[in-house]
Amino acid sequence: MSFLLKYKNLCEEREIPNDNYTINDLLNEMELSPQTIVSKQNGELVIEDTVIQEDAGKEKNNYNFYF
């Protein structure tokens, strides 16, 4: 399972390492603070406890991070 990560100039497909992998886990991995980042999934605001999931449709879920 994978998802599309967009952050600054970064745009890459990443694998979801486990079923309970959250946005907070990803931010920790990227050494980013949830207090300074706005997270969006497919254009909608999400909190850092949101579990990252692969979309069942044709397109992958997009996760965008903004300062």
PDB file of N, CA and C in Angstrom:
ATOM      1  N   MET A   1       0.846  -1.173   0.000  1.00  0.00           N
ATOM      2  CA  MET A   1       0.000   0.000   0.000  1.00  0.00           C
ATOM      3  C   MET A   1       0.893   1.238   0.000  1.00  0.00           C
ATOM      4  N   SER A   2       0.448   2.261  -0.704  1.00  0.00           N
ATOM      5  CA  SER A   2       1.260   3.468  -0.811  1.00  0.00           C
ATOM      6  C   SER A   2       0.366   4.707  -0.849  1.00  0.00           C
ATOM      7  N   PHE A   3       1.024   5.866  -0.714  1.00  0.00           N
ATOM      8  CA  PHE A   3       0.343   7.150  -0.783  1.00  0.00           C
ATOM      9  C   PHE A   3       1.279   8.153  -1.438  1.00  0.00           C
ATOM     10  N   LEU A   4       0.730   9.282  -1.869  1.00  0.00           N
ATOM     11  CA  LEU A   4       1.516  10.324  -2.506  1.00  0.00           C
ATOM     12  C   LEU A   4       1.766  11.431  -1.495  1.00  0.00           C
ATOM     13  N   LEU A   5       3.041  11.744  -1.250  1.00  0.00           N
ATOM     14  CA  LEU A   5       3.444  12.776  -0.309  1.00  0.00           C
ATOM     15  C   LEU A   5       3.913  14.002  -1.075  1.00  0.00           C
ATOM     16  N   LYS A   6       3.338  15.171  -0.742  1.00  0.00           N
ATOM     17  CA  LYS A   6       3.755  16.437  -1.335  1.00  0.00           C
ATOM     18  C   LYS A   6       4.161  17.377  -0.213  1.00  0.00           C
ATOM     19  N   TYR A   7       5.416  17.849  -0.274  1.00  0.00           N
ATOM     20  CA  TYR A   7       5.928  18.767   0.736  1.00  0.00           C
ATOM     21  C   TYR A   7       7.028  19.605   0.091  1.00  0.00           C
ATOM     22  N   LYS A   8       6.833  20.913   0.057  1.00  0.00           N
ATOM     23  CA  LYS A   8       7.763  21.841  -0.609  1.00  0.00           C
ATOM     24  C   LYS A   8       8.022  21.341  -2.025  1.00  0.00           C
ATOM     25  N   ASN A   9       9.272  21.064  -2.377  1.00  0.00           N
ATOM     26  CA  ASN A   9       9.610  20.581  -3.727  1.00  0.00           C
ATOM     27  C   ASN A   9       9.545  19.063  -3.835  1.00  0.00           C
ATOM     28  N   LEU A  10       9.177  18.410  -2.759  1.00  0.00           N
ATOM     29  CA  LEU A  10       9.112  16.958  -2.712  1.00  0.00           C
ATOM     30  C   LEU A  10       7.742  16.472  -3.176  1.00  0.00           C
ATOM     31  N   CYS A  11       7.739  15.532  -4.070  1.00  0.00           N
ATOM     32  CA  CYS A  11       6.506  14.882  -4.525  1.00  0.00           C
ATOM     33  C   CYS A  11       6.877  13.440  -4.822  1.00  0.00           C
ATOM     34  N   GLU A  12       6.549  12.545  -3.871  1.00  0.00           N
ATOM     35  CA  GLU A  12       6.970  11.156  -4.041  1.00  0.00           C
ATOM     36  C   GLU A  12       5.926  10.189  -3.515  1.00  0.00           C
ATOM     37  N   GLU A  13       5.942   9.012  -4.078  1.00  0.00           N
ATOM     38  CA  GLU A  13       5.072   7.937  -3.622  1.00  0.00           C
ATOM     39  C   GLU A  13       5.812   7.205  -2.512  1.00  0.00           C
ATOM     40  N   ARG A  14       5.128   6.991  -1.387  1.00  0.00           N
ATOM     41  CA  ARG A  14       5.725   6.307  -0.240  1.00  0.00           C
ATOM     42  C   ARG A  14       4.877   5.112   0.144  1.00  0.00           C
ATOM     43  N   GLU A  15       5.558   4.112   0.665  1.00  0.00           N
ATOM     44  CA  GLU A  15       4.869   2.919   1.156  1.00  0.00           C
ATOM     45  C   GLU A  15       4.343   3.173   2.570  1.00  0.00           C
ATOM     46  N   ILE A  16       3.201   2.613   2.878  1.00  0.00           N
ATOM     47  CA  ILE A  16       2.626   2.690   4.221  1.00  0.00           C
ATOM     48  C   ILE A  16       3.214   1.509   5.002  1.00  0.00           C
ATOM     49  N   PRO A  17       4.049   1.783   6.027  1.00  0.00           N
ATOM     50  CA  PRO A  17       4.759   0.700   6.711  1.00  0.00           C
ATOM     51  C   PRO A  17       3.893  -0.219   7.572  1.00  0.00           C
ATOM     52  N   ASN A  18       2.756   0.292   8.089  1.00  0.00           N
ATOM     53  CA  ASN A  18       1.877  -0.559   8.900  1.00  0.00           C
ATOM     54  C   ASN A  18       0.456  -0.009   8.872  1.00  0.00           C
ATOM     55  N   ASP A  19      -0.487  -0.780   9.402  1.00  0.00           N
ATOM     56  CA  ASP A  19      -1.909  -0.421   9.346  1.00  0.00           C
ATOM     57  C   ASP A  19      -2.269   0.791  10.195  1.00  0.00           C
ATOM     58  N   ASN A  20      -1.450   1.114  11.194  1.00  0.00           N
ATOM     59  CA  ASN A  20      -1.755   2.225  12.098  1.00  0.00           C
ATOM     60  C   ASN A  20      -0.801   3.401  11.906  1.00  0.00           C
ATOM     61  N   TYR A  21      -0.234   3.551  10.727  1.00  0.00           N
ATOM     62  CA  TYR A  21       0.715   4.620  10.420  1.00  0.00           C
ATOM     63  C   TYR A  21      -0.041   5.945  10.290  1.00  0.00           C
ATOM     64  N   THR A  22       0.260   6.889  11.182  1.00  0.00           N
ATOM     65  CA  THR A  22      -0.474   8.160  11.219  1.00  0.00           C
ATOM     66  C   THR A  22       0.338   9.295  10.598  1.00  0.00           C
ATOM     67  N   ILE A  23      -0.330  10.408  10.399  1.00  0.00           N
ATOM     68  CA  ILE A  23       0.351  11.607   9.921  1.00  0.00           C
ATOM     69  C   ILE A  23       1.423  12.024  10.926  1.00  0.00           C
ATOM     70  N   ASN A  24       1.144  11.875  12.211  1.00  0.00           N
ATOM     71  CA  ASN A  24       2.129  12.193  13.236  1.00  0.00           C
ATOM     72  C   ASN A  24       3.376  11.318  13.090  1.00  0.00           C
ATOM     73  N   ASP A  25       3.210  10.029  12.782  1.00  0.00           N
ATOM     74  CA  ASP A  25       4.351   9.141  12.539  1.00  0.00           C
ATOM     75  C   ASP A  25       5.190   9.651  11.367  1.00  0.00           C
ATOM     76  N   LEU A  26       4.510  10.054  10.302  1.00  0.00           N
ATOM     77  CA  LEU A  26       5.196  10.579   9.123  1.00  0.00           C
ATOM     78  C   LEU A  26       5.936  11.870   9.446  1.00  0.00           C
ATOM     79  N   LEU A  27       5.289  12.783  10.184  1.00  0.00           N
ATOM     80  CA  LEU A  27       5.937  14.033  10.564  1.00  0.00           C
ATOM     81  C   LEU A  27       7.167  13.767  11.427  1.00  0.00           C
ATOM     82  N   ASN A  28       7.082  12.826  12.353  1.00  0.00           N
ATOM     83  CA  ASN A  28       8.241  12.464  13.175  1.00  0.00           C
ATOM     84  C   ASN A  28       9.365  11.912  12.314  1.00  0.00           C
ATOM     85  N   GLU A  29       9.014  11.072  11.350  1.00  0.00           N
ATOM     86  CA  GLU A  29       9.994  10.493  10.430  1.00  0.00           C
ATOM     87  C   GLU A  29      10.699  11.582   9.623  1.00  0.00           C
ATOM     88  N   MET A  30       9.943  12.621   9.253  1.00  0.00           N
ATOM     89  CA  MET A  30      10.495  13.725   8.456  1.00  0.00           C
ATOM     90  C   MET A  30      11.103  14.818   9.348  1.00  0.00           C
ATOM     91  N   GLU A  31      11.059  14.604  10.669  1.00  0.00           N
ATOM     92  CA  GLU A  31      11.571  15.561  11.646  1.00  0.00           C
ATOM     93  C   GLU A  31      10.895  16.926  11.520  1.00  0.00           C
ATOM     94  N   LEU A  32       9.554  16.894  11.377  1.00  0.00           N
ATOM     95  CA  LEU A  32       8.746  18.105  11.292  1.00  0.00           C
ATOM     96  C   LEU A  32       7.819  18.175  12.498  1.00  0.00           C
ATOM     97  N   SER A  33       7.539  19.373  12.957  1.00  0.00           N
ATOM     98  CA  SER A  33       6.667  19.569  14.106  1.00  0.00           C
ATOM     99  C   SER A  33       5.218  19.748  13.653  1.00  0.00           C
ATOM    100  N   PRO A  34       4.273  19.020  14.265  1.00  0.00           N
ATOM    101  CA  PRO A  34       2.862  19.198  13.900  1.00  0.00           C
ATOM    102  C   PRO A  34       2.343  20.595  14.238  1.00  0.00           C
ATOM    103  N   GLN A  35       3.027  21.315  15.126  1.00  0.00           N
ATOM    104  CA  GLN A  35       2.597  22.667  15.490  1.00  0.00           C
ATOM    105  C   GLN A  35       2.877  23.679  14.387  1.00  0.00           C
ATOM    106  N   THR A  36       3.796  23.376  13.480  1.00  0.00           N
ATOM    107  CA  THR A  36       4.150  24.331  12.419  1.00  0.00           C
ATOM    108  C   THR A  36       3.657  23.900  11.042  1.00  0.00           C
ATOM    109  N   ILE A  37       2.927  22.789  10.965  1.00  0.00           N
ATOM    110  CA  ILE A  37       2.505  22.217   9.688  1.00  0.00           C
ATOM    111  C   ILE A  37       0.978  22.146   9.620  1.00  0.00           C
ATOM    112  N   VAL A  38       0.421  22.464   8.457  1.00  0.00           N
ATOM    113  CA  VAL A  38      -0.993  22.234   8.175  1.00  0.00           C
ATOM    114  C   VAL A  38      -1.050  21.010   7.268  1.00  0.00           C
ATOM    115  N   SER A  39      -1.759  19.977   7.702  1.00  0.00           N
ATOM    116  CA  SER A  39      -1.849  18.729   6.948  1.00  0.00           C
ATOM    117  C   SER A  39      -3.173  18.656   6.204  1.00  0.00           C
ATOM    118  N   LYS A  40      -3.100  18.205   4.949  1.00  0.00           N
ATOM    119  CA  LYS A  40      -4.314  18.022   4.152  1.00  0.00           C
ATOM    120  C   LYS A  40      -4.276  16.661   3.468  1.00  0.00           C
ATOM    121  N   GLN A  41      -5.436  16.029   3.406  1.00  0.00           N
ATOM    122  CA  GLN A  41      -5.618  14.788   2.665  1.00  0.00           C
ATOM    123  C   GLN A  41      -6.617  15.068   1.561  1.00  0.00           C
ATOM    124  N   ASN A  42      -6.173  14.962   0.333  1.00  0.00           N
ATOM    125  CA  ASN A  42      -7.027  15.226  -0.829  1.00  0.00           C
ATOM    126  C   ASN A  42      -7.728  16.583  -0.713  1.00  0.00           C
ATOM    127  N   GLY A  43      -6.988  17.595  -0.215  1.00  0.00           N
ATOM    128  CA  GLY A  43      -7.515  18.953  -0.129  1.00  0.00           C
ATOM    129  C   GLY A  43      -8.270  19.282   1.145  1.00  0.00           C
ATOM    130  N   GLU A  44      -8.533  18.288   1.995  1.00  0.00           N
ATOM    131  CA  GLU A  44      -9.281  18.501   3.239  1.00  0.00           C
ATOM    132  C   GLU A  44      -8.320  18.517   4.428  1.00  0.00           C
ATOM    133  N   LEU A  45      -8.533  19.430   5.372  1.00  0.00           N
ATOM    134  CA  LEU A  45      -7.713  19.483   6.576  1.00  0.00           C
ATOM    135  C   LEU A  45      -7.865  18.206   7.385  1.00  0.00           C
ATOM    136  N   VAL A  46      -6.748  17.705   7.924  1.00  0.00           N
ATOM    137  CA  VAL A  46      -6.769  16.517   8.777  1.00  0.00           C
ATOM    138  C   VAL A  46      -5.875  16.756   9.988  1.00  0.00           C
ATOM    139  N   ILE A  47      -6.148  16.047  11.082  1.00  0.00           N
ATOM    140  CA  ILE A  47      -5.316  16.161  12.279  1.00  0.00           C
ATOM    141  C   ILE A  47      -4.198  15.125  12.216  1.00  0.00           C
ATOM    142  N   GLU A  48      -3.188  15.327  13.068  1.00  0.00           N
ATOM    143  CA  GLU A  48      -2.012  14.452  13.000  1.00  0.00           C
ATOM    144  C   GLU A  48      -2.287  13.018  13.458  1.00  0.00           C
ATOM    145  N   ASP A  49      -3.409  12.765  14.140  1.00  0.00           N
ATOM    146  CA  ASP A  49      -3.756  11.399  14.553  1.00  0.00           C
ATOM    147  C   ASP A  49      -4.434  10.599  13.444  1.00  0.00           C
ATOM    148  N   THR A  50      -4.663  11.229  12.299  1.00  0.00           N
ATOM    149  CA  THR A  50      -5.309  10.560  11.174  1.00  0.00           C
ATOM    150  C   THR A  50      -4.424   9.429  10.654  1.00  0.00           C
ATOM    151  N   VAL A  51      -5.010   8.241  10.467  1.00  0.00           N
ATOM    152  CA  VAL A  51      -4.277   7.100   9.918  1.00  0.00           C
ATOM    153  C   VAL A  51      -4.176   7.260   8.412  1.00  0.00           C
ATOM    154  N   ILE A  52      -2.956   7.096   7.896  1.00  0.00           N
ATOM    155  CA  ILE A  52      -2.731   7.199   6.450  1.00  0.00           C
ATOM    156  C   ILE A  52      -3.216   5.907   5.806  1.00  0.00           C
ATOM    157  N   GLN A  53      -4.074   6.044   4.803  1.00  0.00           N
ATOM    158  CA  GLN A  53      -4.661   4.880   4.137  1.00  0.00           C
ATOM    159  C   GLN A  53      -4.517   5.007   2.637  1.00  0.00           C
ATOM    160  N   GLU A  54      -4.423   3.857   1.989  1.00  0.00           N
ATOM    161  CA  GLU A  54      -4.432   3.840   0.533  1.00  0.00           C
ATOM    162  C   GLU A  54      -5.873   3.982   0.078  1.00  0.00           C
ATOM    163  N   ASP A  55      -6.094   4.759  -0.970  1.00  0.00           N
ATOM    164  CA  ASP A  55      -7.432   4.956  -1.507  1.00  0.00           C
ATOM    165  C   ASP A  55      -7.825   3.748  -2.345  1.00  0.00           C
ATOM    166  N   ALA A  56      -9.064   3.335  -2.222  1.00  0.00           N
ATOM    167  CA  ALA A  56      -9.554   2.190  -2.986  1.00  0.00           C
ATOM    168  C   ALA A  56      -9.883   2.554  -4.427  1.00  0.00           C
ATOM    169  N   GLY A  57      -9.921   3.847  -4.724  1.00  0.00           N
ATOM    170  CA  GLY A  57     -10.257   4.306  -6.072  1.00  0.00           C
ATOM    171  C   GLY A  57      -9.064   4.246  -7.010  1.00  0.00           C
ATOM    172  N   LYS A  58      -9.194   4.904  -8.148  1.00  0.00           N
ATOM    173  CA  LYS A  58      -8.149   4.888  -9.167  1.00  0.00           C
ATOM    174  C   LYS A  58      -6.935   5.716  -8.754  1.00  0.00           C
ATOM    175  N   GLU A  59      -7.152   6.824  -8.032  1.00  0.00           N
ATOM    176  CA  GLU A  59      -6.050   7.695  -7.659  1.00  0.00           C
ATOM    177  C   GLU A  59      -5.644   7.466  -6.216  1.00  0.00           C
ATOM    178  N   LYS A  60      -4.380   7.693  -5.926  1.00  0.00           N
ATOM    179  CA  LYS A  60      -3.869   7.528  -4.567  1.00  0.00           C
ATOM    180  C   LYS A  60      -4.277   8.721  -3.718  1.00  0.00           C
ATOM    181  N   ASN A  61      -4.409   8.507  -2.402  1.00  0.00           N
ATOM    182  CA  ASN A  61      -4.626   9.609  -1.480  1.00  0.00           C
ATOM    183  C   ASN A  61      -3.415  10.525  -1.530  1.00  0.00           C
ATOM    184  N   ASN A  62      -3.653  11.812  -1.597  1.00  0.00           N
ATOM    185  CA  ASN A  62      -2.591  12.803  -1.590  1.00  0.00           C
ATOM    186  C   ASN A  62      -2.510  13.433  -0.211  1.00  0.00           C
ATOM    187  N   TYR A  63      -1.317  13.468   0.356  1.00  0.00           N
ATOM    188  CA  TYR A  63      -1.087  14.109   1.652  1.00  0.00           C
ATOM    189  C   TYR A  63      -0.155  15.288   1.421  1.00  0.00           C
ATOM    190  N   ASN A  64      -0.645  16.491   1.715  1.00  0.00           N
ATOM    191  CA  ASN A  64       0.117  17.709   1.514  1.00  0.00           C
ATOM    192  C   ASN A  64       0.408  18.352   2.868  1.00  0.00           C
ATOM    193  N   PHE A  65       1.607  18.923   3.001  1.00  0.00           N
ATOM    194  CA  PHE A  65       2.006  19.585   4.238  1.00  0.00           C
ATOM    195  C   PHE A  65       2.457  20.997   3.912  1.00  0.00           C
ATOM    196  N   TYR A  66       1.911  21.969   4.658  1.00  0.00           N
ATOM    197  CA  TYR A  66       2.202  23.383   4.439  1.00  0.00           C
ATOM    198  C   TYR A  66       2.666  24.027   5.741  1.00  0.00           C
ATOM    199  N   PHE A  67       3.576  24.987   5.621  1.00  0.00           N
ATOM    200  CA  PHE A  67       3.992  25.777   6.786  1.00  0.00           C
ATOM    201  C   PHE A  67       2.994  26.862   7.013  1.00  0.00           C
TER     202      PHE A  67
END
